[in-house]
Amino acid sequence: MIMDKQLMFSDEQAIGDTEVSDNIIDLSGVAAKDGAEGVPLQVHCNVDVTFTDLTNMKISLYGDDDVAFGSAVLLWDTPVVVKATLAAGYVFKLPPVPWGNELRYLRLTYTVTGSTETAGKVTAGLVLEHQSNT
């Protein structure tokens, strides 16, 4: 799996409370976003530093035509993942960017339930395919 710096939502981003990814991805130069090249873009997110305080977390992908996300569209939500699972090395099971998506900008929202997190960090970005060790 290759991760491109320009296609990163988060690079070891500390997650305290519910917040959006540090970076917004502009899809204007990414041809495969609507499946035109036959390969949908995947969203990859892994835990870099174990979460210790929150109860659980979920990830949502939002898109918008405006970089300010004034009328953001929810593209998908993950089920909640409990703290015990959010250990360093954990990889979230995330759906691809939906085909036919006409939105230019994408960002992630990390929704935290429970106490404010003091340790956990994640890295997330767009990839063509997920790592497979099989």
N, C-alpha and C. Protein backbone atom coordinates (compact mmCIF):
# COMPACT_ATOMS: atom_id res chain seq x y z
N MET A 1 0.86 -1.17 0.00
CA MET A 1 0.00 0.00 0.00
C MET A 1 0.90 1.23 0.00
N ILE A 2 0.58 2.17 -0.86
CA ILE A 2 1.33 3.42 -0.94
C ILE A 2 0.42 4.56 -0.50
N MET A 3 0.94 5.38 0.41
CA MET A 3 0.18 6.55 0.86
C MET A 3 0.89 7.80 0.34
N ASP A 4 0.13 8.66 -0.33
CA ASP A 4 0.63 9.89 -0.91
C ASP A 4 0.36 11.04 0.05
N LYS A 5 1.35 11.86 0.34
CA LYS A 5 1.21 12.96 1.29
C LYS A 5 0.05 13.88 0.91
N GLN A 6 -0.21 14.09 -0.37
CA GLN A 6 -1.28 14.98 -0.81
C GLN A 6 -2.67 14.35 -0.66
N LEU A 7 -2.71 13.07 -0.38
CA LEU A 7 -4.00 12.37 -0.21
C LEU A 7 -4.22 11.92 1.23
N MET A 8 -3.59 12.63 2.17
CA MET A 8 -3.69 12.30 3.59
C MET A 8 -4.74 13.17 4.27
N PHE A 9 -5.65 12.54 5.01
CA PHE A 9 -6.59 13.26 5.86
C PHE A 9 -5.89 13.62 7.18
N SER A 10 -5.18 12.66 7.74
CA SER A 10 -4.55 12.81 9.06
C SER A 10 -3.21 12.10 9.04
N ASP A 11 -2.21 12.75 9.63
CA ASP A 11 -0.88 12.14 9.74
C ASP A 11 -0.48 12.15 11.21
N GLU A 12 -0.70 11.01 11.87
CA GLU A 12 -0.51 10.89 13.31
C GLU A 12 -1.24 12.00 14.06
N GLN A 13 -2.50 12.22 13.66
CA GLN A 13 -3.34 13.26 14.28
C GLN A 13 -3.83 12.81 15.65
N ALA A 14 -3.60 13.65 16.66
CA ALA A 14 -4.12 13.39 18.00
C ALA A 14 -5.62 13.64 17.98
N ILE A 15 -6.38 12.72 18.53
CA ILE A 15 -7.84 12.84 18.60
C ILE A 15 -8.21 13.01 20.07
N GLY A 16 -8.70 14.19 20.43
CA GLY A 16 -9.09 14.46 21.81
C GLY A 16 -10.58 14.29 21.99
N ASP A 17 -11.33 15.16 21.36
CA ASP A 17 -12.79 15.09 21.34
C ASP A 17 -13.21 14.89 19.89
N THR A 18 -14.50 14.95 19.62
CA THR A 18 -14.96 14.85 18.24
C THR A 18 -14.35 15.99 17.43
N GLU A 19 -13.72 15.64 16.33
CA GLU A 19 -13.07 16.65 15.50
C GLU A 19 -12.93 16.16 14.07
N VAL A 20 -12.61 17.10 13.18
CA VAL A 20 -12.43 16.78 11.77
C VAL A 20 -10.95 16.52 11.50
N SER A 21 -10.69 15.86 10.39
CA SER A 21 -9.31 15.57 10.00
C SER A 21 -8.53 16.86 9.80
N ASP A 22 -7.23 16.80 10.04
CA ASP A 22 -6.36 17.97 9.87
C ASP A 22 -6.38 18.48 8.43
N ASN A 23 -6.54 17.58 7.48
CA ASN A 23 -6.46 17.95 6.07
C ASN A 23 -7.75 17.65 5.32
N ILE A 24 -8.01 18.47 4.33
CA ILE A 24 -9.11 18.28 3.39
C ILE A 24 -8.49 17.86 2.06
N ILE A 25 -9.08 16.87 1.42
CA ILE A 25 -8.56 16.40 0.15
C ILE A 25 -9.38 16.99 -0.99
N ASP A 26 -8.69 17.60 -1.94
CA ASP A 26 -9.31 18.17 -3.13
C ASP A 26 -9.23 17.12 -4.23
N LEU A 27 -10.38 16.63 -4.66
CA LEU A 27 -10.42 15.56 -5.66
C LEU A 27 -10.35 16.06 -7.10
N SER A 28 -10.14 17.35 -7.30
CA SER A 28 -10.19 17.89 -8.67
C SER A 28 -9.19 17.22 -9.61
N GLY A 29 -8.09 16.70 -9.09
CA GLY A 29 -7.11 16.06 -9.96
C GLY A 29 -7.08 14.55 -9.83
N VAL A 30 -8.08 13.96 -9.19
CA VAL A 30 -8.09 12.52 -8.94
C VAL A 30 -9.15 11.87 -9.81
N ALA A 31 -8.73 11.28 -10.93
CA ALA A 31 -9.66 10.73 -11.92
C ALA A 31 -10.44 9.52 -11.41
N ALA A 32 -9.85 8.73 -10.54
CA ALA A 32 -10.49 7.46 -10.14
C ALA A 32 -11.58 7.63 -9.09
N LYS A 33 -11.88 8.86 -8.67
CA LYS A 33 -12.86 9.03 -7.59
C LYS A 33 -14.24 8.52 -7.94
N ASP A 34 -14.61 8.53 -9.21
CA ASP A 34 -15.94 8.06 -9.58
C ASP A 34 -15.89 6.71 -10.29
N GLY A 35 -14.77 6.04 -10.18
CA GLY A 35 -14.67 4.73 -10.81
C GLY A 35 -14.36 4.80 -12.28
N ALA A 36 -14.10 5.99 -12.81
CA ALA A 36 -13.85 6.15 -14.24
C ALA A 36 -12.68 5.29 -14.70
N GLU A 37 -11.72 5.07 -13.84
CA GLU A 37 -10.57 4.24 -14.18
C GLU A 37 -10.80 2.79 -13.78
N GLY A 38 -11.96 2.49 -13.21
CA GLY A 38 -12.29 1.13 -12.81
C GLY A 38 -11.81 0.74 -11.43
N VAL A 39 -11.13 1.64 -10.73
CA VAL A 39 -10.62 1.34 -9.39
C VAL A 39 -11.11 2.40 -8.42
N PRO A 40 -12.05 2.05 -7.54
CA PRO A 40 -12.52 3.05 -6.57
C PRO A 40 -11.43 3.35 -5.54
N LEU A 41 -11.40 4.58 -5.09
CA LEU A 41 -10.45 4.96 -4.05
C LEU A 41 -10.89 4.39 -2.71
N GLN A 42 -9.93 3.89 -1.97
CA GLN A 42 -10.18 3.34 -0.65
C GLN A 42 -9.74 4.37 0.40
N VAL A 43 -10.39 4.33 1.55
CA VAL A 43 -9.96 5.15 2.67
C VAL A 43 -9.28 4.21 3.65
N HIS A 44 -8.04 4.53 3.99
CA HIS A 44 -7.28 3.73 4.94
C HIS A 44 -7.08 4.56 6.21
N CYS A 45 -7.32 3.96 7.37
CA CYS A 45 -7.09 4.64 8.65
C CYS A 45 -6.57 3.62 9.66
N ASN A 46 -5.46 3.96 10.29
CA ASN A 46 -4.92 3.08 11.33
C ASN A 46 -4.61 3.88 12.59
N VAL A 47 -4.58 3.15 13.71
CA VAL A 47 -4.25 3.75 15.00
C VAL A 47 -2.73 3.71 15.15
N ASP A 48 -2.13 4.89 15.38
CA ASP A 48 -0.69 5.00 15.59
C ASP A 48 -0.32 4.88 17.07
N VAL A 49 -1.12 5.50 17.94
CA VAL A 49 -0.90 5.47 19.38
C VAL A 49 -2.20 5.02 20.04
N THR A 50 -2.11 4.05 20.93
CA THR A 50 -3.27 3.45 21.60
C THR A 50 -4.13 4.49 22.31
N PHE A 51 -5.45 4.35 22.16
CA PHE A 51 -6.42 5.21 22.84
C PHE A 51 -6.60 4.70 24.27
N THR A 52 -6.65 5.62 25.24
CA THR A 52 -6.69 5.21 26.64
C THR A 52 -7.87 5.75 27.44
N ASP A 53 -8.55 6.80 26.95
CA ASP A 53 -9.54 7.48 27.78
C ASP A 53 -10.97 7.43 27.25
N LEU A 54 -11.16 7.49 25.96
CA LEU A 54 -12.51 7.54 25.40
C LEU A 54 -13.24 6.23 25.62
N THR A 55 -14.55 6.21 25.34
CA THR A 55 -15.34 4.98 25.43
C THR A 55 -15.34 4.27 24.09
N ASN A 56 -15.60 5.03 23.02
CA ASN A 56 -15.56 4.48 21.66
C ASN A 56 -15.42 5.61 20.65
N MET A 57 -15.23 5.24 19.39
CA MET A 57 -15.06 6.23 18.33
C MET A 57 -15.61 5.66 17.03
N LYS A 58 -16.13 6.54 16.19
CA LYS A 58 -16.51 6.16 14.84
C LYS A 58 -15.93 7.19 13.89
N ILE A 59 -15.86 6.82 12.62
CA ILE A 59 -15.33 7.71 11.58
C ILE A 59 -16.41 7.94 10.55
N SER A 60 -16.52 9.18 10.08
CA SER A 60 -17.47 9.54 9.03
C SER A 60 -16.72 10.23 7.90
N LEU A 61 -17.13 9.95 6.67
CA LEU A 61 -16.57 10.62 5.49
C LEU A 61 -17.59 11.62 4.98
N TYR A 62 -17.17 12.87 4.86
CA TYR A 62 -18.03 13.94 4.35
C TYR A 62 -17.43 14.51 3.07
N GLY A 63 -18.31 14.95 2.19
CA GLY A 63 -17.90 15.63 0.97
C GLY A 63 -18.67 16.92 0.81
N ASP A 64 -18.11 17.84 0.02
CA ASP A 64 -18.77 19.12 -0.24
C ASP A 64 -18.17 19.72 -1.51
N ASP A 65 -18.94 20.58 -2.15
CA ASP A 65 -18.45 21.33 -3.31
C ASP A 65 -17.65 22.54 -2.87
N ASP A 66 -17.79 22.91 -1.60
CA ASP A 66 -17.17 24.11 -1.04
C ASP A 66 -16.12 23.69 0.00
N VAL A 67 -14.93 24.24 -0.08
CA VAL A 67 -13.85 23.89 0.84
C VAL A 67 -14.19 24.24 2.29
N ALA A 68 -15.13 25.15 2.51
CA ALA A 68 -15.55 25.52 3.86
C ALA A 68 -16.53 24.51 4.47
N PHE A 69 -16.99 23.54 3.69
CA PHE A 69 -17.92 22.50 4.14
C PHE A 69 -19.19 23.10 4.75
N GLY A 70 -19.74 24.12 4.09
CA GLY A 70 -20.96 24.76 4.56
C GLY A 70 -22.20 23.92 4.37
N SER A 71 -22.19 23.03 3.37
CA SER A 71 -23.34 22.15 3.13
C SER A 71 -22.84 20.73 2.90
N ALA A 72 -22.07 20.24 3.85
CA ALA A 72 -21.43 18.93 3.74
C ALA A 72 -22.45 17.80 3.59
N VAL A 73 -22.07 16.80 2.82
CA VAL A 73 -22.89 15.62 2.58
C VAL A 73 -22.20 14.42 3.23
N LEU A 74 -22.92 13.70 4.08
CA LEU A 74 -22.39 12.49 4.69
C LEU A 74 -22.34 11.39 3.63
N LEU A 75 -21.15 10.83 3.39
CA LEU A 75 -20.99 9.77 2.39
C LEU A 75 -21.05 8.39 3.04
N TRP A 76 -20.51 8.25 4.25
CA TRP A 76 -20.67 7.03 5.04
C TRP A 76 -20.22 7.25 6.47
N ASP A 77 -20.72 6.36 7.35
CA ASP A 77 -20.35 6.29 8.77
C ASP A 77 -19.86 4.87 9.04
N THR A 78 -18.92 4.72 9.94
CA THR A 78 -18.54 3.39 10.38
C THR A 78 -19.34 3.05 11.63
N PRO A 79 -19.43 1.78 11.95
CA PRO A 79 -19.95 1.43 13.27
C PRO A 79 -18.97 1.94 14.33
N VAL A 80 -19.42 2.09 15.57
CA VAL A 80 -18.51 2.53 16.63
C VAL A 80 -17.51 1.42 16.94
N VAL A 81 -16.32 1.84 17.30
CA VAL A 81 -15.26 0.91 17.68
C VAL A 81 -14.92 1.20 19.14
N VAL A 82 -14.94 0.18 19.97
CA VAL A 82 -14.72 0.36 21.41
C VAL A 82 -13.24 0.57 21.72
N LYS A 83 -12.99 1.22 22.86
CA LYS A 83 -11.62 1.57 23.28
C LYS A 83 -10.68 0.37 23.27
N ALA A 84 -11.13 -0.76 23.75
CA ALA A 84 -10.25 -1.94 23.84
C ALA A 84 -9.70 -2.34 22.47
N THR A 85 -10.41 -2.02 21.41
CA THR A 85 -9.97 -2.35 20.05
C THR A 85 -9.00 -1.31 19.49
N LEU A 86 -9.05 -0.09 20.02
CA LEU A 86 -8.29 1.03 19.46
C LEU A 86 -6.85 1.05 19.96
N ALA A 87 -6.14 -0.05 19.72
CA ALA A 87 -4.74 -0.17 20.11
C ALA A 87 -3.85 0.14 18.90
N ALA A 88 -2.62 0.53 19.18
CA ALA A 88 -1.66 0.82 18.11
C ALA A 88 -1.61 -0.35 17.13
N GLY A 89 -1.69 -0.04 15.85
CA GLY A 89 -1.67 -1.06 14.81
C GLY A 89 -3.04 -1.44 14.28
N TYR A 90 -4.10 -1.09 15.02
CA TYR A 90 -5.46 -1.42 14.56
C TYR A 90 -5.75 -0.67 13.25
N VAL A 91 -6.34 -1.38 12.28
CA VAL A 91 -6.74 -0.78 11.01
C VAL A 91 -8.26 -0.82 10.93
N PHE A 92 -8.88 0.34 10.74
CA PHE A 92 -10.33 0.44 10.61
C PHE A 92 -10.78 -0.23 9.31
N LYS A 93 -11.94 -0.84 9.35
CA LYS A 93 -12.56 -1.43 8.15
C LYS A 93 -13.46 -0.36 7.54
N LEU A 94 -12.98 0.31 6.50
CA LEU A 94 -13.70 1.46 5.94
C LEU A 94 -14.15 1.18 4.51
N PRO A 95 -15.34 1.69 4.16
CA PRO A 95 -15.82 1.54 2.79
C PRO A 95 -15.04 2.45 1.83
N PRO A 96 -15.12 2.20 0.53
CA PRO A 96 -14.45 3.08 -0.43
C PRO A 96 -15.22 4.40 -0.58
N VAL A 97 -14.60 5.34 -1.26
CA VAL A 97 -15.30 6.58 -1.62
C VAL A 97 -16.41 6.18 -2.60
N PRO A 98 -17.65 6.58 -2.35
CA PRO A 98 -18.76 6.16 -3.22
C PRO A 98 -18.56 6.56 -4.68
N TRP A 99 -18.89 5.67 -5.59
CA TRP A 99 -18.81 5.94 -7.03
C TRP A 99 -19.86 6.98 -7.40
N GLY A 100 -19.57 7.76 -8.43
CA GLY A 100 -20.52 8.77 -8.88
C GLY A 100 -20.56 9.99 -7.99
N ASN A 101 -19.65 10.06 -7.04
CA ASN A 101 -19.58 11.19 -6.12
C ASN A 101 -19.19 12.44 -6.90
N GLU A 102 -20.05 13.44 -6.90
CA GLU A 102 -19.79 14.68 -7.64
C GLU A 102 -19.17 15.76 -6.75
N LEU A 103 -18.82 15.42 -5.54
CA LEU A 103 -18.29 16.39 -4.60
C LEU A 103 -16.79 16.54 -4.78
N ARG A 104 -16.29 17.76 -4.65
CA ARG A 104 -14.88 18.02 -4.91
C ARG A 104 -13.98 17.78 -3.70
N TYR A 105 -14.46 18.12 -2.51
CA TYR A 105 -13.64 18.07 -1.30
C TYR A 105 -14.12 16.97 -0.36
N LEU A 106 -13.17 16.31 0.29
CA LEU A 106 -13.48 15.26 1.26
C LEU A 106 -12.74 15.54 2.57
N ARG A 107 -13.37 15.17 3.68
CA ARG A 107 -12.70 15.19 4.97
C ARG A 107 -13.33 14.13 5.86
N LEU A 108 -12.62 13.73 6.89
CA LEU A 108 -13.12 12.77 7.86
C LEU A 108 -13.52 13.49 9.14
N THR A 109 -14.51 12.92 9.82
CA THR A 109 -14.85 13.36 11.17
C THR A 109 -14.67 12.17 12.09
N TYR A 110 -13.93 12.39 13.17
CA TYR A 110 -13.72 11.39 14.20
C TYR A 110 -14.66 11.73 15.35
N THR A 111 -15.66 10.88 15.57
CA THR A 111 -16.65 11.14 16.62
C THR A 111 -16.30 10.31 17.85
N VAL A 112 -15.99 11.00 18.95
CA VAL A 112 -15.56 10.38 20.19
C VAL A 112 -16.72 10.39 21.18
N THR A 113 -16.91 9.26 21.87
CA THR A 113 -17.89 9.15 22.95
C THR A 113 -17.14 8.87 24.23
N GLY A 114 -17.59 9.49 25.31
CA GLY A 114 -16.95 9.27 26.61
C GLY A 114 -15.99 10.39 26.94
N SER A 115 -14.97 10.07 27.72
CA SER A 115 -14.00 11.05 28.19
C SER A 115 -13.14 11.60 27.06
N THR A 116 -12.61 12.81 27.28
CA THR A 116 -11.68 13.39 26.34
C THR A 116 -10.43 12.52 26.27
N GLU A 117 -10.01 12.22 25.06
CA GLU A 117 -8.84 11.37 24.84
C GLU A 117 -7.56 12.17 25.04
N THR A 118 -6.55 11.56 25.67
CA THR A 118 -5.28 12.26 25.91
C THR A 118 -4.11 11.63 25.17
N ALA A 119 -4.30 10.45 24.58
CA ALA A 119 -3.15 9.76 23.99
C ALA A 119 -3.34 9.39 22.52
N GLY A 120 -4.52 8.92 22.13
CA GLY A 120 -4.73 8.30 20.83
C GLY A 120 -4.41 9.16 19.63
N LYS A 121 -3.78 8.53 18.61
CA LYS A 121 -3.47 9.20 17.35
C LYS A 121 -3.79 8.27 16.19
N VAL A 122 -4.20 8.88 15.06
CA VAL A 122 -4.52 8.11 13.86
C VAL A 122 -3.84 8.71 12.64
N THR A 123 -3.65 7.86 11.64
CA THR A 123 -3.20 8.27 10.31
C THR A 123 -4.25 7.77 9.34
N ALA A 124 -4.68 8.65 8.41
CA ALA A 124 -5.71 8.27 7.45
C ALA A 124 -5.46 8.96 6.11
N GLY A 125 -5.81 8.27 5.04
CA GLY A 125 -5.66 8.85 3.71
C GLY A 125 -6.35 8.01 2.66
N LEU A 126 -6.32 8.51 1.43
CA LEU A 126 -6.88 7.77 0.29
C LEU A 126 -5.79 6.89 -0.30
N VAL A 127 -6.15 5.66 -0.63
CA VAL A 127 -5.23 4.73 -1.27
C VAL A 127 -5.98 4.00 -2.38
N LEU A 128 -5.23 3.42 -3.32
CA LEU A 128 -5.88 2.65 -4.38
C LEU A 128 -6.30 1.27 -3.90
N GLU A 129 -5.52 0.71 -2.98
CA GLU A 129 -5.91 -0.58 -2.39
C GLU A 129 -5.27 -0.72 -1.03
N HIS A 130 -5.89 -1.56 -0.19
CA HIS A 130 -5.39 -1.77 1.16
C HIS A 130 -4.23 -2.76 1.16
N GLN A 131 -3.41 -2.68 2.17
CA GLN A 131 -2.29 -3.61 2.35
C GLN A 131 -2.84 -5.01 2.55
N SER A 132 -2.23 -5.98 1.91
CA SER A 132 -2.62 -7.39 2.09
C SER A 132 -1.36 -8.20 2.33
N ASN A 133 -1.32 -8.87 3.45
CA ASN A 133 -0.15 -9.69 3.77
C ASN A 133 -0.41 -11.17 3.49
N THR A 134 -1.42 -11.45 2.67
CA THR A 134 -1.73 -12.87 2.40
C THR A 134 -1.27 -13.26 1.03
